[in-house]
Amino acid sequence: MHPCPCPQTCLRIYDLDDPDHEEVPEVADFDPDDSFDSIALASGGLDSTTVLAIAISQGFRPLPLTFRYGQNHSIETQQVGLIAHSLDLPPPLILDLPFDHIGGSALLGSSPIPDEPQQGASQREEIPTTYVPARNLVFLSLAVAAAEARSVRDIWIGVNALDYSGYPDCRPEFLEAFLLAAHRGTREGSNQSDQPWWRLQSPLVEMSKAQIIRTATELGVDLSLTLSCYAPDSEGQACGRCDSCGLRRRGFEEAAIPDPTRYQNHG
């Protein structure tokens, strides 16, 4: 994969389906004057991409917001650009965060990513090593900052509390607490006396992975563009062995929909 020569708010799109990885001729640059009416956290994965499609189906034009935070799977930022292009959305705003200087997560290289799928959320007693400390708290705070700067009030996030990896910042109670903090700690939130300003949209929170896949399929999402893996190779192929790959694979099986994921390992 060629490195992107552009500034940090720029993304060069690549066609990962092309065996030679030829660059799509168009270069997608974040344009501060582009039209959007909401902010959507986007990772290039199945869940956040489905949320983008849901937002569009409800008449919104969200700006995808994604982050380079030192993650091992940084290829996801390139996927966000490709997905935004496919959905005719504004090019993503990409922000750099020094989570890799903080550590504390296998996704940041602090420890090996588990090879075998871990226990399901309902059976898990410990938070998995792939949890990134306070990641969604930081991501949502920056989403609110970007939204407040543009006087838009809707924030979209693809967290899922039913079929997830046991992360505390994917739970409904976290979202409720964050929303309260946003109303108390921002200009737009504190200026509203008649009704709350911020609207935190989390349409997947009570869905299973199979339901999410069915929803995405019904909305015409090209799921082959999405990448859920914690340890993809430089070609964008999923490892097929991490917790996220396991959840994704089982979701396609339960949804009875062919899995378009390119895996390194099968079986």
C-alpha atoms as a PDB file:
ATOM      1  CA  MET A   1       0.000   0.000   0.000  1.00  0.00           C
ATOM      2  CA  HIS A   2       1.407   3.387  -0.963  1.00  0.00           C
ATOM      3  CA  PRO A   3       1.767   5.954   1.824  1.00  0.00           C
ATOM      4  CA  CYS A   4      -0.474   8.958   1.599  1.00  0.00           C
ATOM      5  CA  PRO A   5       1.560  12.090   0.792  1.00  0.00           C
ATOM      6  CA  CYS A   6      -1.258  14.432   1.739  1.00  0.00           C
ATOM      7  CA  PRO A   7      -1.719  16.461   4.950  1.00  0.00           C
ATOM      8  CA  GLN A   8      -3.409  14.775   7.877  1.00  0.00           C
ATOM      9  CA  THR A   9      -6.860  16.012   6.886  1.00  0.00           C
ATOM     10  CA  CYS A  10      -6.492  14.398   3.481  1.00  0.00           C
ATOM     11  CA  LEU A  11      -7.056  10.843   2.330  1.00  0.00           C
ATOM     12  CA  ARG A  12      -5.910   9.252  -0.895  1.00  0.00           C
ATOM     13  CA  ILE A  13      -8.329   6.499  -1.915  1.00  0.00           C
ATOM     14  CA  TYR A  14      -7.112   3.083  -3.016  1.00  0.00           C
ATOM     15  CA  ASP A  15      -8.980   0.294  -4.719  1.00  0.00           C
ATOM     16  CA  LEU A  16      -8.177  -2.674  -2.461  1.00  0.00           C
ATOM     17  CA  ASP A  17     -10.075  -5.041  -4.750  1.00  0.00           C
ATOM     18  CA  ASP A  18      -7.526  -4.435  -7.499  1.00  0.00           C
ATOM     19  CA  PRO A  19      -4.698  -7.007  -7.174  1.00  0.00           C
ATOM     20  CA  ASP A  20      -2.190  -4.322  -8.136  1.00  0.00           C
ATOM     21  CA  HIS A  21      -3.755  -1.842  -5.716  1.00  0.00           C
ATOM     22  CA  GLU A  22      -3.985   0.799  -8.373  1.00  0.00           C
ATOM     23  CA  GLU A  23      -5.001   4.134  -7.073  1.00  0.00           C
ATOM     24  CA  VAL A  24      -8.480   5.342  -7.803  1.00  0.00           C
ATOM     25  CA  PRO A  25      -7.882   8.444  -9.953  1.00  0.00           C
ATOM     26  CA  GLU A  26      -9.798  10.709  -7.616  1.00  0.00           C
ATOM     27  CA  VAL A  27      -8.092  12.081  -4.517  1.00  0.00           C
ATOM     28  CA  ALA A  28     -10.478  12.676  -1.634  1.00  0.00           C
ATOM     29  CA  ASP A  29      -9.631  15.745   0.426  1.00  0.00           C
ATOM     30  CA  PHE A  30     -11.553  16.916   3.444  1.00  0.00           C
ATOM     31  CA  ASP A  31     -13.260  20.147   2.467  1.00  0.00           C
ATOM     32  CA  PRO A  32     -14.311  22.341   5.415  1.00  0.00           C
ATOM     33  CA  ASP A  33     -16.897  23.954   3.168  1.00  0.00           C
ATOM     34  CA  ASP A  34     -18.495  20.662   2.112  1.00  0.00           C
ATOM     35  CA  SER A  35     -22.149  20.228   2.991  1.00  0.00           C
ATOM     36  CA  PHE A  36     -23.063  17.941   5.893  1.00  0.00           C
ATOM     37  CA  ASP A  37     -25.675  17.991   8.628  1.00  0.00           C
ATOM     38  CA  SER A  38     -24.277  15.546  11.178  1.00  0.00           C
ATOM     39  CA  ILE A  39     -21.080  13.826  12.278  1.00  0.00           C
ATOM     40  CA  ALA A  40     -20.589  10.051  12.117  1.00  0.00           C
ATOM     41  CA  LEU A  41     -17.741   8.168  13.748  1.00  0.00           C
ATOM     42  CA  ALA A  42     -16.370   5.892  11.043  1.00  0.00           C
ATOM     43  CA  SER A  43     -13.778   3.138  11.297  1.00  0.00           C
ATOM     44  CA  GLY A  44     -14.199   1.416   7.948  1.00  0.00           C
ATOM     45  CA  GLY A  45     -15.790  -1.527   9.724  1.00  0.00           C
ATOM     46  CA  LEU A  46     -19.124  -3.237   9.322  1.00  0.00           C
ATOM     47  CA  ASP A  47     -20.955  -1.434  12.117  1.00  0.00           C
ATOM     48  CA  SER A  48     -19.931   2.151  11.428  1.00  0.00           C
ATOM     49  CA  THR A  49     -20.506   1.697   7.689  1.00  0.00           C
ATOM     50  CA  THR A  50     -24.018   0.405   8.352  1.00  0.00           C
ATOM     51  CA  VAL A  51     -24.650   3.471  10.509  1.00  0.00           C
ATOM     52  CA  LEU A  52     -23.587   5.726   7.628  1.00  0.00           C
ATOM     53  CA  ALA A  53     -26.121   3.973   5.389  1.00  0.00           C
ATOM     54  CA  ILE A  54     -28.853   4.237   8.036  1.00  0.00           C
ATOM     55  CA  ALA A  55     -28.187   7.955   8.420  1.00  0.00           C
ATOM     56  CA  ILE A  56     -28.460   8.434   4.660  1.00  0.00           C
ATOM     57  CA  SER A  57     -31.698   6.423   4.567  1.00  0.00           C
ATOM     58  CA  GLN A  58     -33.148   8.799   7.162  1.00  0.00           C
ATOM     59  CA  GLY A  59     -32.326  11.854   5.084  1.00  0.00           C
ATOM     60  CA  PHE A  60     -29.040  12.862   6.720  1.00  0.00           C
ATOM     61  CA  ARG A  61     -25.744  13.680   5.043  1.00  0.00           C
ATOM     62  CA  PRO A  62     -23.157  12.806   7.688  1.00  0.00           C
ATOM     63  CA  LEU A  63     -19.518  13.790   7.663  1.00  0.00           C
ATOM     64  CA  PRO A  64     -17.428  10.676   8.399  1.00  0.00           C
ATOM     65  CA  LEU A  65     -14.950  11.334  11.204  1.00  0.00           C
ATOM     66  CA  THR A  66     -12.109   8.877  11.660  1.00  0.00           C
ATOM     67  CA  PHE A  67      -8.827   8.722  13.529  1.00  0.00           C
ATOM     68  CA  ARG A  68      -5.242   7.633  13.171  1.00  0.00           C
ATOM     69  CA  TYR A  69      -4.478   6.782  16.778  1.00  0.00           C
ATOM     70  CA  GLY A  70      -1.500   4.483  16.459  1.00  0.00           C
ATOM     71  CA  GLN A  71      -3.599   1.386  15.862  1.00  0.00           C
ATOM     72  CA  ASN A  72      -2.001  -1.670  14.301  1.00  0.00           C
ATOM     73  CA  HIS A  73      -4.783  -1.750  11.703  1.00  0.00           C
ATOM     74  CA  SER A  74      -4.303   1.803  10.407  1.00  0.00           C
ATOM     75  CA  ILE A  75      -5.400   0.652   6.943  1.00  0.00           C
ATOM     76  CA  GLU A  76      -8.933   1.306   8.220  1.00  0.00           C
ATOM     77  CA  THR A  77      -8.578   5.038   7.539  1.00  0.00           C
ATOM     78  CA  GLN A  78      -8.066   4.276   3.856  1.00  0.00           C
ATOM     79  CA  GLN A  79     -11.170   2.106   3.894  1.00  0.00           C
ATOM     80  CA  VAL A  80     -13.215   4.960   5.365  1.00  0.00           C
ATOM     81  CA  GLY A  81     -12.330   7.095   2.360  1.00  0.00           C
ATOM     82  CA  LEU A  82     -13.308   4.344  -0.042  1.00  0.00           C
ATOM     83  CA  ILE A  83     -16.608   3.779   1.774  1.00  0.00           C
ATOM     84  CA  ALA A  84     -17.425   7.497   1.899  1.00  0.00           C
ATOM     85  CA  HIS A  85     -16.782   7.701  -1.835  1.00  0.00           C
ATOM     86  CA  SER A  86     -19.064   4.716  -2.495  1.00  0.00           C
ATOM     87  CA  LEU A  87     -21.882   6.288  -0.457  1.00  0.00           C
ATOM     88  CA  ASP A  88     -21.481   9.710  -2.093  1.00  0.00           C
ATOM     89  CA  LEU A  89     -20.627  11.297   1.250  1.00  0.00           C
ATOM     90  CA  PRO A  90     -18.148  14.078   1.990  1.00  0.00           C
ATOM     91  CA  PRO A  91     -14.526  12.909   2.205  1.00  0.00           C
ATOM     92  CA  PRO A  92     -13.730  12.014   5.810  1.00  0.00           C
ATOM     93  CA  LEU A  93     -12.153  14.279   8.353  1.00  0.00           C
ATOM     94  CA  ILE A  94      -9.140  12.380   9.709  1.00  0.00           C
ATOM     95  CA  LEU A  95      -7.599  13.384  13.023  1.00  0.00           C
ATOM     96  CA  ASP A  96      -4.346  12.154  14.529  1.00  0.00           C
ATOM     97  CA  LEU A  97      -4.323  11.100  18.192  1.00  0.00           C
ATOM     98  CA  PRO A  98      -1.305   9.873  20.218  1.00  0.00           C
ATOM     99  CA  PHE A  99      -2.963   6.827  21.783  1.00  0.00           C
ATOM    100  CA  ASP A 100       0.150   4.821  20.916  1.00  0.00           C
ATOM    101  CA  HIS A 101       2.084   6.978  23.399  1.00  0.00           C
ATOM    102  CA  ILE A 102      -0.407   5.967  26.083  1.00  0.00           C
ATOM    103  CA  GLY A 103      -0.535   2.247  25.333  1.00  0.00           C
ATOM    104  CA  GLY A 104      -2.625  -0.165  27.350  1.00  0.00           C
ATOM    105  CA  SER A 105      -4.123  -2.076  24.425  1.00  0.00           C
ATOM    106  CA  ALA A 106      -3.177  -4.919  22.125  1.00  0.00           C
ATOM    107  CA  LEU A 107      -4.430  -2.747  19.253  1.00  0.00           C
ATOM    108  CA  LEU A 108      -1.613  -0.322  20.066  1.00  0.00           C
ATOM    109  CA  GLY A 109       1.063  -2.992  20.248  1.00  0.00           C
ATOM    110  CA  SER A 110       1.109  -3.198  24.055  1.00  0.00           C
ATOM    111  CA  SER A 111       0.517  -6.956  23.871  1.00  0.00           C
ATOM    112  CA  PRO A 112      -0.146  -9.556  21.165  1.00  0.00           C
ATOM    113  CA  ILE A 113      -3.604  -9.600  19.623  1.00  0.00           C
ATOM    114  CA  PRO A 114      -5.300 -12.848  20.719  1.00  0.00           C
ATOM    115  CA  ASP A 115      -5.291 -15.375  17.884  1.00  0.00           C
ATOM    116  CA  GLU A 116      -8.400 -17.231  18.958  1.00  0.00           C
ATOM    117  CA  PRO A 117     -11.868 -15.673  19.249  1.00  0.00           C
ATOM    118  CA  GLN A 118     -12.522 -14.834  22.876  1.00  0.00           C
ATOM    119  CA  GLN A 119     -15.686 -15.548  24.831  1.00  0.00           C
ATOM    120  CA  GLY A 120     -18.908 -13.769  23.934  1.00  0.00           C
ATOM    121  CA  ALA A 121     -19.897 -10.653  25.851  1.00  0.00           C
ATOM    122  CA  SER A 122     -22.458 -12.496  27.963  1.00  0.00           C
ATOM    123  CA  GLN A 123     -19.795 -14.982  29.129  1.00  0.00           C
ATOM    124  CA  ARG A 124     -16.804 -12.671  29.495  1.00  0.00           C
ATOM    125  CA  GLU A 125     -15.564 -11.799  32.974  1.00  0.00           C
ATOM    126  CA  GLU A 126     -12.669  -9.559  31.969  1.00  0.00           C
ATOM    127  CA  ILE A 127     -12.415  -6.713  29.496  1.00  0.00           C
ATOM    128  CA  PRO A 128     -10.386  -8.003  26.513  1.00  0.00           C
ATOM    129  CA  THR A 129      -6.851  -6.864  25.800  1.00  0.00           C
ATOM    130  CA  THR A 130      -8.049  -5.200  22.576  1.00  0.00           C
ATOM    131  CA  TYR A 131      -9.901  -2.545  24.591  1.00  0.00           C
ATOM    132  CA  VAL A 132      -8.310   0.886  23.998  1.00  0.00           C
ATOM    133  CA  PRO A 133      -8.532   2.989  27.194  1.00  0.00           C
ATOM    134  CA  ALA A 134     -11.305   5.606  26.932  1.00  0.00           C
ATOM    135  CA  ARG A 135     -11.266   5.471  23.125  1.00  0.00           C
ATOM    136  CA  ASN A 136     -14.964   6.120  22.509  1.00  0.00           C
ATOM    137  CA  LEU A 137     -14.981   8.784  25.213  1.00  0.00           C
ATOM    138  CA  VAL A 138     -12.262  10.668  23.344  1.00  0.00           C
ATOM    139  CA  PHE A 139     -13.729   9.990  19.893  1.00  0.00           C
ATOM    140  CA  LEU A 140     -17.181  11.203  20.896  1.00  0.00           C
ATOM    141  CA  SER A 141     -15.735  14.302  22.561  1.00  0.00           C
ATOM    142  CA  LEU A 142     -13.995  15.260  19.327  1.00  0.00           C
ATOM    143  CA  ALA A 143     -17.142  14.481  17.352  1.00  0.00           C
ATOM    144  CA  VAL A 144     -19.084  16.866  19.584  1.00  0.00           C
ATOM    145  CA  ALA A 145     -16.373  19.507  19.141  1.00  0.00           C
ATOM    146  CA  ALA A 146     -16.543  19.168  15.353  1.00  0.00           C
ATOM    147  CA  ALA A 147     -20.336  19.268  15.432  1.00  0.00           C
ATOM    148  CA  GLU A 148     -20.507  22.291  17.720  1.00  0.00           C
ATOM    149  CA  ALA A 149     -18.076  24.194  15.507  1.00  0.00           C
ATOM    150  CA  ARG A 150     -20.553  23.717  12.624  1.00  0.00           C
ATOM    151  CA  SER A 151     -23.765  24.058  14.683  1.00  0.00           C
ATOM    152  CA  VAL A 152     -24.944  20.555  13.812  1.00  0.00           C
ATOM    153  CA  ARG A 153     -26.494  18.505  16.571  1.00  0.00           C
ATOM    154  CA  ASP A 154     -26.601  14.855  15.471  1.00  0.00           C
ATOM    155  CA  ILE A 155     -23.736  12.492  16.273  1.00  0.00           C
ATOM    156  CA  TRP A 156     -23.834   8.962  14.828  1.00  0.00           C
ATOM    157  CA  ILE A 157     -21.978   6.050  16.396  1.00  0.00           C
ATOM    158  CA  GLY A 158     -22.022   2.330  15.599  1.00  0.00           C
ATOM    159  CA  VAL A 159     -21.610   0.875  19.077  1.00  0.00           C
ATOM    160  CA  ASN A 160     -23.335  -2.406  19.738  1.00  0.00           C
ATOM    161  CA  ALA A 161     -24.129  -3.767  23.201  1.00  0.00           C
ATOM    162  CA  LEU A 162     -25.476  -7.215  22.296  1.00  0.00           C
ATOM    163  CA  ASP A 163     -22.910  -8.783  19.998  1.00  0.00           C
ATOM    164  CA  TYR A 164     -19.795  -6.879  20.925  1.00  0.00           C
ATOM    165  CA  SER A 165     -16.339  -7.545  22.381  1.00  0.00           C
ATOM    166  CA  GLY A 166     -17.055  -6.624  26.003  1.00  0.00           C
ATOM    167  CA  TYR A 167     -15.940  -2.995  25.844  1.00  0.00           C
ATOM    168  CA  PRO A 168     -17.390  -0.722  28.563  1.00  0.00           C
ATOM    169  CA  ASP A 169     -17.650   2.211  26.143  1.00  0.00           C
ATOM    170  CA  CYS A 170     -20.098   0.332  23.898  1.00  0.00           C
ATOM    171  CA  ARG A 171     -22.834   0.096  26.512  1.00  0.00           C
ATOM    172  CA  PRO A 172     -26.065   2.135  26.627  1.00  0.00           C
ATOM    173  CA  GLU A 173     -25.250   3.484  30.095  1.00  0.00           C
ATOM    174  CA  PHE A 174     -22.001   4.945  28.764  1.00  0.00           C
ATOM    175  CA  LEU A 175     -23.845   6.684  25.923  1.00  0.00           C
ATOM    176  CA  GLU A 176     -26.399   8.123  28.345  1.00  0.00           C
ATOM    177  CA  ALA A 177     -23.671   9.433  30.649  1.00  0.00           C
ATOM    178  CA  PHE A 178     -21.730  10.946  27.760  1.00  0.00           C
ATOM    179  CA  LEU A 179     -24.816  12.694  26.410  1.00  0.00           C
ATOM    180  CA  LEU A 180     -25.426  14.285  29.810  1.00  0.00           C
ATOM    181  CA  ALA A 181     -21.819  15.480  29.953  1.00  0.00           C
ATOM    182  CA  ALA A 182     -22.086  16.931  26.437  1.00  0.00           C
ATOM    183  CA  HIS A 183     -25.158  18.921  27.404  1.00  0.00           C
ATOM    184  CA  ARG A 184     -23.504  20.225  30.566  1.00  0.00           C
ATOM    185  CA  GLY A 185     -20.089  20.931  29.080  1.00  0.00           C
ATOM    186  CA  THR A 186     -20.695  22.650  25.724  1.00  0.00           C
ATOM    187  CA  ARG A 187     -21.941  26.052  24.632  1.00  0.00           C
ATOM    188  CA  GLU A 188     -24.713  24.658  22.461  1.00  0.00           C
ATOM    189  CA  GLY A 189     -25.822  22.214  25.135  1.00  0.00           C
ATOM    190  CA  SER A 190     -25.871  24.684  28.004  1.00  0.00           C
ATOM    191  CA  ASN A 191     -27.669  27.362  25.948  1.00  0.00           C
ATOM    192  CA  GLN A 192     -30.734  25.181  25.385  1.00  0.00           C
ATOM    193  CA  SER A 193     -33.381  25.596  28.056  1.00  0.00           C
ATOM    194  CA  ASP A 194     -36.435  24.198  26.294  1.00  0.00           C
ATOM    195  CA  GLN A 195     -35.039  20.983  24.788  1.00  0.00           C
ATOM    196  CA  PRO A 196     -31.721  19.104  24.663  1.00  0.00           C
ATOM    197  CA  TRP A 197     -29.435  20.188  21.848  1.00  0.00           C
ATOM    198  CA  TRP A 198     -27.336  17.080  21.264  1.00  0.00           C
ATOM    199  CA  ARG A 199     -28.765  13.958  19.687  1.00  0.00           C
ATOM    200  CA  LEU A 200     -26.590  10.876  19.975  1.00  0.00           C
ATOM    201  CA  GLN A 201     -27.748   8.418  17.317  1.00  0.00           C
ATOM    202  CA  SER A 202     -26.819   4.789  18.061  1.00  0.00           C
ATOM    203  CA  PRO A 203     -29.174   2.706  15.879  1.00  0.00           C
ATOM    204  CA  LEU A 204     -27.211  -0.550  16.279  1.00  0.00           C
ATOM    205  CA  VAL A 205     -26.995  -0.631  20.048  1.00  0.00           C
ATOM    206  CA  GLU A 206     -29.585  -3.404  20.477  1.00  0.00           C
ATOM    207  CA  MET A 207     -28.873  -5.294  17.243  1.00  0.00           C
ATOM    208  CA  SER A 208     -27.060  -8.595  16.838  1.00  0.00           C
ATOM    209  CA  LYS A 209     -24.273  -8.825  14.284  1.00  0.00           C
ATOM    210  CA  ALA A 210     -26.568 -10.821  11.993  1.00  0.00           C
ATOM    211  CA  GLN A 211     -29.239  -8.103  12.191  1.00  0.00           C
ATOM    212  CA  ILE A 212     -26.647  -5.464  11.369  1.00  0.00           C
ATOM    213  CA  ILE A 213     -25.514  -7.423   8.320  1.00  0.00           C
ATOM    214  CA  ARG A 214     -29.097  -7.868   7.122  1.00  0.00           C
ATOM    215  CA  THR A 215     -29.767  -4.151   7.579  1.00  0.00           C
ATOM    216  CA  ALA A 216     -26.646  -3.200   5.642  1.00  0.00           C
ATOM    217  CA  THR A 217     -27.578  -5.594   2.851  1.00  0.00           C
ATOM    218  CA  GLU A 218     -31.115  -4.203   2.640  1.00  0.00           C
ATOM    219  CA  LEU A 219     -29.660  -0.691   2.365  1.00  0.00           C
ATOM    220  CA  GLY A 220     -27.393  -1.733  -0.488  1.00  0.00           C
ATOM    221  CA  VAL A 221     -24.077  -1.396   1.350  1.00  0.00           C
ATOM    222  CA  ASP A 222     -21.094  -2.974  -0.388  1.00  0.00           C
ATOM    223  CA  LEU A 223     -19.852  -4.987   2.579  1.00  0.00           C
ATOM    224  CA  SER A 224     -16.746  -6.083   0.700  1.00  0.00           C
ATOM    225  CA  LEU A 225     -15.394  -2.575   1.328  1.00  0.00           C
ATOM    226  CA  THR A 226     -15.627  -2.950   5.105  1.00  0.00           C
ATOM    227  CA  LEU A 227     -12.777  -4.198   7.264  1.00  0.00           C
ATOM    228  CA  SER A 228     -13.371  -5.407  10.822  1.00  0.00           C
ATOM    229  CA  CYS A 229     -10.105  -7.232  11.521  1.00  0.00           C
ATOM    230  CA  TYR A 230      -7.743  -6.231  14.335  1.00  0.00           C
ATOM    231  CA  ALA A 231      -4.716  -7.550  12.443  1.00  0.00           C
ATOM    232  CA  PRO A 232      -5.167  -7.229   8.669  1.00  0.00           C
ATOM    233  CA  ASP A 233      -2.157  -7.593   6.420  1.00  0.00           C
ATOM    234  CA  SER A 234      -0.821  -4.871   4.148  1.00  0.00           C
ATOM    235  CA  GLU A 235      -3.155  -6.107   1.410  1.00  0.00           C
ATOM    236  CA  GLY A 236      -6.226  -5.474   3.548  1.00  0.00           C
ATOM    237  CA  GLN A 237      -6.920  -9.172   4.086  1.00  0.00           C
ATOM    238  CA  ALA A 238      -8.467 -10.091   7.440  1.00  0.00           C
ATOM    239  CA  CYS A 239      -6.619 -12.509   9.721  1.00  0.00           C
ATOM    240  CA  GLY A 240      -9.708 -14.665  10.273  1.00  0.00           C
ATOM    241  CA  ARG A 241      -8.613 -15.484  13.820  1.00  0.00           C
ATOM    242  CA  CYS A 242      -9.076 -12.418  16.022  1.00  0.00           C
ATOM    243  CA  ASP A 243     -12.165 -11.719  18.113  1.00  0.00           C
ATOM    244  CA  SER A 244     -13.519  -9.197  15.625  1.00  0.00           C
ATOM    245  CA  CYS A 245     -13.121 -11.595  12.693  1.00  0.00           C
ATOM    246  CA  GLY A 246     -14.921 -14.273  14.691  1.00  0.00           C
ATOM    247  CA  LEU A 247     -17.879 -12.001  15.441  1.00  0.00           C
ATOM    248  CA  ARG A 248     -18.072 -10.903  11.817  1.00  0.00           C
ATOM    249  CA  ARG A 249     -17.848 -14.427  10.409  1.00  0.00           C
ATOM    250  CA  ARG A 250     -20.535 -15.759  12.767  1.00  0.00           C
ATOM    251  CA  GLY A 251     -22.735 -12.792  11.904  1.00  0.00           C
ATOM    252  CA  PHE A 252     -22.669 -13.625   8.207  1.00  0.00           C
ATOM    253  CA  GLU A 253     -23.363 -17.276   8.973  1.00  0.00           C
ATOM    254  CA  GLU A 254     -26.354 -16.425  11.175  1.00  0.00           C
ATOM    255  CA  ALA A 255     -27.662 -13.929   8.620  1.00  0.00           C
ATOM    256  CA  ALA A 256     -27.356 -16.583   5.883  1.00  0.00           C
ATOM    257  CA  ILE A 257     -25.613 -14.021   3.683  1.00  0.00           C
ATOM    258  CA  PRO A 258     -22.379 -14.808   1.798  1.00  0.00           C
ATOM    259  CA  ASP A 259     -19.341 -13.330   3.517  1.00  0.00           C
ATOM    260  CA  PRO A 260     -17.368 -11.142   1.054  1.00  0.00           C
ATOM    261  CA  THR A 261     -14.442 -10.742   3.451  1.00  0.00           C
ATOM    262  CA  ARG A 262     -10.986 -11.597   2.132  1.00  0.00           C
ATOM    263  CA  TYR A 263      -9.422 -13.738   4.848  1.00  0.00           C
ATOM    264  CA  GLN A 264      -5.793 -14.747   5.264  1.00  0.00           C
ATOM    265  CA  ASN A 265      -6.819 -17.880   7.140  1.00  0.00           C
ATOM    266  CA  HIS A 266      -9.845 -20.062   6.521  1.00  0.00           C
ATOM    267  CA  GLY A 267     -11.387 -22.714   8.679  1.00  0.00           C
END
